[in-house]
Amino acid sequence: MYNMLNRKDDYMNKLKHFREERKMTQTELSKKSGVSRTIISLLENQKEIITTTGTLKKIANALDCKVSEIFYS
């Protein structure tokens, strides 16, 4: 599990940026990634969340990018 509290100011804006750049709604990203829209919303809106690396990979794959581009830079 990865504690998303560590870098929350950086990654939320990137996640939303990548999603909007691809003209996707949260619902569309949820369907494409298999991650609930609630989790995506929590990540984008700087809510405290602990999630798995698998979840981050699903989101990144759905956005055609690397996990590190969104969550770790």
N, C-alpha and C. Protein backbone atom coordinates (compact mmCIF):
# COMPACT_ATOMS: atom_id res chain seq x y z
N MET A 1 0.84 -1.18 0.00
CA MET A 1 0.00 0.00 0.00
C MET A 1 0.88 1.24 0.00
N TYR A 2 0.41 2.26 -0.63
CA TYR A 2 1.14 3.51 -0.71
C TYR A 2 0.33 4.60 -0.04
N ASN A 3 0.95 5.31 0.86
CA ASN A 3 0.27 6.39 1.57
C ASN A 3 0.32 7.65 0.71
N MET A 4 -0.83 8.02 0.18
CA MET A 4 -0.90 9.16 -0.71
C MET A 4 -0.85 10.49 0.02
N LEU A 5 -0.70 10.48 1.32
CA LEU A 5 -0.60 11.73 2.08
C LEU A 5 0.75 12.39 1.86
N ASN A 6 1.75 11.62 1.52
CA ASN A 6 3.11 12.12 1.46
C ASN A 6 3.31 13.26 0.47
N ARG A 7 2.71 13.21 -0.67
CA ARG A 7 2.95 14.20 -1.72
C ARG A 7 1.64 14.73 -2.27
N LYS A 8 0.70 14.97 -1.43
CA LYS A 8 -0.63 15.23 -1.93
C LYS A 8 -0.78 16.51 -2.72
N ASP A 9 0.02 17.53 -2.48
CA ASP A 9 -0.13 18.77 -3.23
C ASP A 9 0.22 18.60 -4.71
N ASP A 10 1.20 17.75 -5.00
CA ASP A 10 1.68 17.59 -6.37
C ASP A 10 0.80 16.70 -7.22
N TYR A 11 0.48 15.51 -6.72
CA TYR A 11 -0.11 14.51 -7.60
C TYR A 11 -1.56 14.76 -7.94
N MET A 12 -2.34 15.41 -7.08
CA MET A 12 -3.75 15.60 -7.39
C MET A 12 -3.92 16.46 -8.63
N ASN A 13 -3.17 17.55 -8.69
CA ASN A 13 -3.30 18.43 -9.84
C ASN A 13 -2.83 17.73 -11.10
N LYS A 14 -1.83 16.87 -11.00
CA LYS A 14 -1.36 16.14 -12.16
C LYS A 14 -2.40 15.13 -12.63
N LEU A 15 -3.01 14.43 -11.71
CA LEU A 15 -4.03 13.46 -12.09
C LEU A 15 -5.16 14.15 -12.84
N LYS A 16 -5.66 15.22 -12.31
CA LYS A 16 -6.74 15.96 -12.98
C LYS A 16 -6.27 16.49 -14.33
N HIS A 17 -5.03 17.00 -14.36
CA HIS A 17 -4.47 17.53 -15.61
C HIS A 17 -4.42 16.45 -16.69
N PHE A 18 -3.86 15.29 -16.35
CA PHE A 18 -3.77 14.19 -17.32
C PHE A 18 -5.16 13.76 -17.78
N ARG A 19 -6.10 13.68 -16.86
CA ARG A 19 -7.47 13.25 -17.21
C ARG A 19 -8.12 14.27 -18.13
N GLU A 20 -8.04 15.55 -17.77
CA GLU A 20 -8.68 16.59 -18.58
C GLU A 20 -7.99 16.75 -19.94
N GLU A 21 -6.68 16.56 -19.96
CA GLU A 21 -5.94 16.64 -21.22
C GLU A 21 -6.45 15.60 -22.21
N ARG A 22 -6.92 14.48 -21.70
CA ARG A 22 -7.47 13.42 -22.54
C ARG A 22 -8.99 13.54 -22.71
N LYS A 23 -9.51 14.66 -22.24
CA LYS A 23 -10.94 14.97 -22.37
C LYS A 23 -11.82 13.86 -21.78
N MET A 24 -11.41 13.38 -20.60
CA MET A 24 -12.15 12.33 -19.93
C MET A 24 -12.80 12.89 -18.67
N THR A 25 -13.98 12.39 -18.37
CA THR A 25 -14.61 12.70 -17.09
C THR A 25 -14.09 11.71 -16.05
N GLN A 26 -14.36 11.99 -14.80
CA GLN A 26 -13.99 11.03 -13.76
C GLN A 26 -14.70 9.70 -13.98
N THR A 27 -15.94 9.76 -14.41
CA THR A 27 -16.70 8.54 -14.67
C THR A 27 -16.08 7.73 -15.80
N GLU A 28 -15.66 8.40 -16.85
CA GLU A 28 -15.03 7.70 -17.97
C GLU A 28 -13.70 7.06 -17.54
N LEU A 29 -12.92 7.80 -16.75
CA LEU A 29 -11.65 7.25 -16.25
C LEU A 29 -11.92 6.06 -15.34
N SER A 30 -12.96 6.16 -14.55
CA SER A 30 -13.33 5.07 -13.66
C SER A 30 -13.65 3.81 -14.46
N LYS A 31 -14.46 3.95 -15.49
CA LYS A 31 -14.84 2.80 -16.31
C LYS A 31 -13.63 2.21 -17.04
N LYS A 32 -12.78 3.07 -17.56
CA LYS A 32 -11.62 2.60 -18.32
C LYS A 32 -10.58 1.94 -17.41
N SER A 33 -10.43 2.45 -16.19
CA SER A 33 -9.39 1.94 -15.28
C SER A 33 -9.87 0.83 -14.36
N GLY A 34 -11.18 0.79 -14.11
CA GLY A 34 -11.69 -0.17 -13.14
C GLY A 34 -11.54 0.31 -11.70
N VAL A 35 -11.21 1.59 -11.53
CA VAL A 35 -11.07 2.20 -10.20
C VAL A 35 -12.32 3.05 -9.97
N SER A 36 -12.87 2.99 -8.78
CA SER A 36 -14.11 3.71 -8.53
C SER A 36 -13.95 5.22 -8.72
N ARG A 37 -15.02 5.85 -9.17
CA ARG A 37 -15.00 7.29 -9.36
C ARG A 37 -14.74 7.99 -8.03
N THR A 38 -15.20 7.42 -6.95
CA THR A 38 -14.98 8.00 -5.62
C THR A 38 -13.49 8.09 -5.32
N ILE A 39 -12.75 7.02 -5.60
CA ILE A 39 -11.30 7.03 -5.36
C ILE A 39 -10.63 8.09 -6.23
N ILE A 40 -11.01 8.15 -7.49
CA ILE A 40 -10.44 9.15 -8.40
C ILE A 40 -10.74 10.56 -7.88
N SER A 41 -11.95 10.79 -7.47
CA SER A 41 -12.33 12.09 -6.93
C SER A 41 -11.53 12.44 -5.68
N LEU A 42 -11.38 11.47 -4.78
CA LEU A 42 -10.60 11.71 -3.56
C LEU A 42 -9.15 12.07 -3.90
N LEU A 43 -8.58 11.37 -4.85
CA LEU A 43 -7.20 11.65 -5.26
C LEU A 43 -7.08 13.05 -5.86
N GLU A 44 -8.03 13.42 -6.71
CA GLU A 44 -7.98 14.72 -7.37
C GLU A 44 -8.26 15.88 -6.41
N ASN A 45 -9.02 15.63 -5.39
CA ASN A 45 -9.45 16.72 -4.50
C ASN A 45 -8.69 16.76 -3.18
N GLN A 46 -7.50 16.18 -3.19
CA GLN A 46 -6.58 16.26 -2.06
C GLN A 46 -7.16 15.73 -0.76
N LYS A 47 -7.94 14.68 -0.88
CA LYS A 47 -8.45 14.02 0.31
C LYS A 47 -7.44 12.98 0.77
N GLU A 48 -7.38 12.75 2.05
CA GLU A 48 -6.46 11.76 2.58
C GLU A 48 -6.93 10.37 2.14
N ILE A 49 -5.99 9.63 1.57
CA ILE A 49 -6.35 8.31 1.06
C ILE A 49 -5.11 7.42 1.07
N ILE A 50 -5.33 6.19 1.41
CA ILE A 50 -4.29 5.17 1.29
C ILE A 50 -4.81 4.18 0.27
N THR A 51 -3.99 3.91 -0.75
CA THR A 51 -4.42 3.03 -1.83
C THR A 51 -3.28 2.09 -2.21
N THR A 52 -3.57 1.16 -3.07
CA THR A 52 -2.54 0.20 -3.47
C THR A 52 -1.80 0.68 -4.72
N THR A 53 -0.64 0.13 -4.90
CA THR A 53 0.14 0.42 -6.11
C THR A 53 -0.65 -0.06 -7.33
N GLY A 54 -1.38 -1.15 -7.19
CA GLY A 54 -2.20 -1.65 -8.29
C GLY A 54 -3.24 -0.64 -8.76
N THR A 55 -3.83 0.06 -7.82
CA THR A 55 -4.81 1.10 -8.17
C THR A 55 -4.15 2.22 -8.96
N LEU A 56 -2.97 2.63 -8.52
CA LEU A 56 -2.24 3.69 -9.23
C LEU A 56 -1.88 3.24 -10.64
N LYS A 57 -1.50 1.97 -10.78
CA LYS A 57 -1.16 1.44 -12.10
C LYS A 57 -2.37 1.41 -13.02
N LYS A 58 -3.51 1.04 -12.49
CA LYS A 58 -4.74 1.01 -13.29
C LYS A 58 -5.08 2.40 -13.83
N ILE A 59 -4.95 3.40 -12.97
CA ILE A 59 -5.25 4.78 -13.38
C ILE A 59 -4.26 5.23 -14.45
N ALA A 60 -2.97 4.99 -14.19
CA ALA A 60 -1.94 5.41 -15.15
C ALA A 60 -2.13 4.70 -16.49
N ASN A 61 -2.40 3.41 -16.47
CA ASN A 61 -2.61 2.67 -17.72
C ASN A 61 -3.80 3.22 -18.50
N ALA A 62 -4.86 3.56 -17.80
CA ALA A 62 -6.04 4.11 -18.46
C ALA A 62 -5.75 5.47 -19.09
N LEU A 63 -4.77 6.17 -18.54
CA LEU A 63 -4.39 7.49 -19.06
C LEU A 63 -3.20 7.39 -20.02
N ASP A 64 -2.76 6.17 -20.33
CA ASP A 64 -1.63 5.93 -21.22
C ASP A 64 -0.37 6.66 -20.78
N CYS A 65 -0.06 6.53 -19.50
CA CYS A 65 1.17 7.13 -18.99
C CYS A 65 1.72 6.26 -17.87
N LYS A 66 2.86 6.65 -17.34
CA LYS A 66 3.50 5.90 -16.26
C LYS A 66 3.00 6.41 -14.92
N VAL A 67 2.98 5.52 -13.94
CA VAL A 67 2.59 5.91 -12.58
C VAL A 67 3.46 7.06 -12.10
N SER A 68 4.75 7.00 -12.39
CA SER A 68 5.67 8.03 -11.91
C SER A 68 5.38 9.41 -12.50
N GLU A 69 4.81 9.45 -13.68
CA GLU A 69 4.48 10.75 -14.29
C GLU A 69 3.38 11.47 -13.51
N ILE A 70 2.48 10.71 -12.93
CA ILE A 70 1.35 11.30 -12.20
C ILE A 70 1.64 11.44 -10.73
N PHE A 71 2.13 10.37 -10.13
CA PHE A 71 2.12 10.30 -8.68
C PHE A 71 3.46 10.52 -7.98
N TYR A 72 4.58 10.44 -8.69
CA TYR A 72 5.86 10.46 -7.98
C TYR A 72 6.84 11.53 -8.40
N SER A 73 6.49 12.47 -9.21
CA SER A 73 7.51 13.41 -9.65
C SER A 73 7.48 14.71 -8.87
